[in-house]
Amino acid sequence: MNELIVDLNISDREFERLYRGEVRDVVVRARDGRRVRFPATSLKRFVTREGIRGSFRIRYSPEGRLQDISRL
C-alpha cells in the first residue's frame, strides 16, 4: 500500500463548508511535494472545535483510491 504524509490546518469555519455542501474534496500538498485530493468526509472523525490540525498519514491503493487516513 502506498502512503503520503500531509499537514493540515483547516479552521472550523472552513470545514463548515462541507456540511453546507459547498466543499466535497480536500486538496493539499504532501510533505514530499505531491498534490493529493481526497473526500472531505473522510476527515469528519478528526474535527474538533478548532477545526482540523495536525499531521496525517494517507494510505491509498495502487489504483490511487483512498484506503485510510490516520493522525500521526
N, C-alpha and C. Protein backbone atom coordinates (compact mmCIF):
# COMPACT_ATOMS: atom_id res chain seq x y z
N MET A 1 0.85 -1.19 0.00
CA MET A 1 0.00 0.00 0.00
C MET A 1 0.89 1.24 0.00
N ASN A 2 0.49 2.24 -0.73
CA ASN A 2 1.22 3.50 -0.83
C ASN A 2 0.73 4.44 0.25
N GLU A 3 1.58 5.40 0.61
CA GLU A 3 1.15 6.37 1.61
C GLU A 3 1.84 7.70 1.43
N LEU A 4 1.17 8.73 1.96
CA LEU A 4 1.68 10.10 1.96
C LEU A 4 1.48 10.67 3.35
N ILE A 5 2.29 11.65 3.70
CA ILE A 5 2.12 12.38 4.95
C ILE A 5 1.75 13.81 4.59
N VAL A 6 0.67 14.30 5.21
CA VAL A 6 0.22 15.67 4.97
C VAL A 6 0.05 16.38 6.31
N ASP A 7 0.24 17.69 6.27
CA ASP A 7 0.00 18.53 7.44
C ASP A 7 -1.23 19.38 7.12
N LEU A 8 -2.24 19.29 8.00
CA LEU A 8 -3.48 20.01 7.77
C LEU A 8 -3.71 21.07 8.83
N ASN A 9 -4.25 22.19 8.39
CA ASN A 9 -4.64 23.27 9.28
C ASN A 9 -5.92 23.87 8.69
N ILE A 10 -7.04 23.22 8.99
CA ILE A 10 -8.33 23.61 8.43
C ILE A 10 -9.18 24.17 9.57
N SER A 11 -9.57 25.41 9.47
CA SER A 11 -10.35 26.04 10.53
C SER A 11 -11.74 25.42 10.61
N ASP A 12 -12.39 25.60 11.75
CA ASP A 12 -13.75 25.09 11.92
C ASP A 12 -14.69 25.73 10.91
N ARG A 13 -14.48 27.00 10.61
CA ARG A 13 -15.34 27.69 9.62
C ARG A 13 -15.14 27.13 8.22
N GLU A 14 -13.90 26.83 7.88
CA GLU A 14 -13.64 26.24 6.57
C GLU A 14 -14.31 24.87 6.46
N PHE A 15 -14.24 24.09 7.54
CA PHE A 15 -14.82 22.76 7.48
C PHE A 15 -16.35 22.80 7.48
N GLU A 16 -16.92 23.86 8.00
CA GLU A 16 -18.38 24.03 7.95
C GLU A 16 -18.90 24.00 6.53
N ARG A 17 -18.08 24.43 5.59
CA ARG A 17 -18.49 24.43 4.18
C ARG A 17 -18.84 23.03 3.70
N LEU A 18 -18.21 22.01 4.29
CA LEU A 18 -18.55 20.63 3.95
C LEU A 18 -20.00 20.35 4.30
N TYR A 19 -20.40 20.74 5.50
CA TYR A 19 -21.75 20.46 5.96
C TYR A 19 -22.80 21.23 5.16
N ARG A 20 -22.40 22.35 4.61
CA ARG A 20 -23.33 23.12 3.78
C ARG A 20 -23.34 22.61 2.33
N GLY A 21 -22.49 21.66 2.02
CA GLY A 21 -22.46 21.10 0.68
C GLY A 21 -21.64 21.90 -0.32
N GLU A 22 -20.86 22.86 0.17
CA GLU A 22 -20.06 23.71 -0.72
C GLU A 22 -18.72 23.06 -1.09
N VAL A 23 -18.26 22.13 -0.27
CA VAL A 23 -16.95 21.51 -0.46
C VAL A 23 -17.12 19.99 -0.46
N ARG A 24 -16.49 19.34 -1.41
CA ARG A 24 -16.53 17.87 -1.44
C ARG A 24 -15.16 17.27 -1.22
N ASP A 25 -14.13 17.92 -1.71
CA ASP A 25 -12.77 17.37 -1.64
C ASP A 25 -11.82 18.31 -0.93
N VAL A 26 -10.80 17.72 -0.34
CA VAL A 26 -9.67 18.47 0.22
C VAL A 26 -8.51 18.27 -0.74
N VAL A 27 -7.84 19.35 -1.08
CA VAL A 27 -6.66 19.29 -1.94
C VAL A 27 -5.51 19.90 -1.16
N VAL A 28 -4.43 19.14 -1.01
CA VAL A 28 -3.31 19.57 -0.18
C VAL A 28 -2.01 19.02 -0.76
N ARG A 29 -0.91 19.67 -0.43
CA ARG A 29 0.42 19.18 -0.82
C ARG A 29 0.95 18.27 0.28
N ALA A 30 1.41 17.11 -0.12
CA ALA A 30 2.05 16.19 0.82
C ALA A 30 3.45 16.72 1.14
N ARG A 31 4.04 16.19 2.16
CA ARG A 31 5.38 16.63 2.55
C ARG A 31 6.41 16.41 1.45
N ASP A 32 6.18 15.42 0.59
CA ASP A 32 7.13 15.16 -0.50
C ASP A 32 6.85 16.00 -1.74
N GLY A 33 5.87 16.92 -1.65
CA GLY A 33 5.59 17.83 -2.74
C GLY A 33 4.47 17.42 -3.67
N ARG A 34 4.01 16.18 -3.57
CA ARG A 34 2.91 15.73 -4.42
C ARG A 34 1.60 16.36 -3.96
N ARG A 35 0.72 16.61 -4.92
CA ARG A 35 -0.60 17.13 -4.61
C ARG A 35 -1.55 15.94 -4.46
N VAL A 36 -2.37 15.99 -3.42
CA VAL A 36 -3.30 14.90 -3.18
C VAL A 36 -4.71 15.47 -2.98
N ARG A 37 -5.69 14.75 -3.50
CA ARG A 37 -7.10 15.13 -3.37
C ARG A 37 -7.83 13.94 -2.77
N PHE A 38 -8.66 14.20 -1.77
CA PHE A 38 -9.44 13.14 -1.15
C PHE A 38 -10.74 13.71 -0.62
N PRO A 39 -11.74 12.86 -0.37
CA PRO A 39 -13.04 13.34 0.09
C PRO A 39 -12.95 13.97 1.47
N ALA A 40 -13.53 15.15 1.60
CA ALA A 40 -13.52 15.86 2.89
C ALA A 40 -14.24 15.06 3.97
N THR A 41 -15.21 14.26 3.58
CA THR A 41 -15.95 13.46 4.57
C THR A 41 -15.05 12.49 5.32
N SER A 42 -13.92 12.12 4.74
CA SER A 42 -13.02 11.18 5.41
C SER A 42 -12.32 11.81 6.62
N LEU A 43 -12.46 13.13 6.79
CA LEU A 43 -11.84 13.82 7.92
C LEU A 43 -12.81 14.09 9.07
N LYS A 44 -14.07 13.75 8.91
CA LYS A 44 -15.07 14.08 9.93
C LYS A 44 -14.68 13.62 11.33
N ARG A 45 -14.08 12.46 11.45
CA ARG A 45 -13.74 11.93 12.78
C ARG A 45 -12.62 12.70 13.47
N PHE A 46 -11.94 13.58 12.73
CA PHE A 46 -10.84 14.36 13.30
C PHE A 46 -11.21 15.80 13.63
N VAL A 47 -12.46 16.18 13.38
CA VAL A 47 -12.89 17.57 13.58
C VAL A 47 -13.03 17.86 15.08
N THR A 48 -12.44 18.99 15.49
CA THR A 48 -12.59 19.48 16.85
C THR A 48 -13.23 20.86 16.78
N ARG A 49 -13.39 21.50 17.91
CA ARG A 49 -13.95 22.86 17.92
C ARG A 49 -13.08 23.84 17.14
N GLU A 50 -11.79 23.55 17.07
CA GLU A 50 -10.86 24.43 16.37
C GLU A 50 -10.72 24.07 14.90
N GLY A 51 -11.33 22.99 14.47
CA GLY A 51 -11.20 22.54 13.09
C GLY A 51 -10.38 21.26 13.03
N ILE A 52 -9.50 21.17 12.05
CA ILE A 52 -8.63 20.00 11.90
C ILE A 52 -7.20 20.49 11.80
N ARG A 53 -6.40 20.07 12.74
CA ARG A 53 -4.99 20.47 12.76
C ARG A 53 -4.13 19.26 13.09
N GLY A 54 -3.01 19.14 12.38
CA GLY A 54 -2.08 18.06 12.68
C GLY A 54 -1.52 17.41 11.44
N SER A 55 -0.75 16.37 11.70
CA SER A 55 -0.14 15.59 10.62
C SER A 55 -0.91 14.29 10.47
N PHE A 56 -1.08 13.87 9.22
CA PHE A 56 -1.89 12.70 8.92
C PHE A 56 -1.19 11.82 7.89
N ARG A 57 -1.38 10.51 8.05
CA ARG A 57 -0.88 9.54 7.07
C ARG A 57 -2.08 9.15 6.21
N ILE A 58 -1.92 9.28 4.91
CA ILE A 58 -2.96 8.88 3.96
C ILE A 58 -2.45 7.66 3.22
N ARG A 59 -3.19 6.57 3.33
CA ARG A 59 -2.84 5.34 2.62
C ARG A 59 -3.82 5.17 1.47
N TYR A 60 -3.26 4.75 0.34
CA TYR A 60 -4.08 4.59 -0.85
C TYR A 60 -3.64 3.37 -1.64
N SER A 61 -4.56 2.85 -2.42
CA SER A 61 -4.32 1.64 -3.21
C SER A 61 -3.41 1.96 -4.40
N PRO A 62 -2.88 0.94 -5.05
CA PRO A 62 -2.08 1.15 -6.26
C PRO A 62 -2.86 1.89 -7.35
N GLU A 63 -4.19 1.78 -7.30
CA GLU A 63 -5.03 2.47 -8.29
C GLU A 63 -5.28 3.92 -7.90
N GLY A 64 -4.80 4.33 -6.73
CA GLY A 64 -4.97 5.72 -6.29
C GLY A 64 -6.20 5.96 -5.44
N ARG A 65 -6.88 4.91 -5.02
CA ARG A 65 -8.09 5.06 -4.19
C ARG A 65 -7.73 5.14 -2.72
N LEU A 66 -8.39 6.05 -2.02
CA LEU A 66 -8.17 6.24 -0.60
C LEU A 66 -8.50 4.95 0.15
N GLN A 67 -7.57 4.54 1.02
CA GLN A 67 -7.78 3.36 1.87
C GLN A 67 -8.00 3.74 3.32
N ASP A 68 -7.19 4.70 3.82
CA ASP A 68 -7.24 5.03 5.24
C ASP A 68 -6.55 6.37 5.49
N ILE A 69 -7.06 7.07 6.49
CA ILE A 69 -6.40 8.28 6.97
C ILE A 69 -6.24 8.12 8.48
N SER A 70 -5.04 8.38 8.99
CA SER A 70 -4.82 8.30 10.43
C SER A 70 -3.97 9.49 10.88
N ARG A 71 -4.24 9.91 12.10
CA ARG A 71 -3.47 11.02 12.68
C ARG A 71 -2.12 10.48 13.18
N LEU A 72 -1.09 11.24 12.94
CA LEU A 72 0.25 10.83 13.44
C LEU A 72 0.49 11.38 14.82
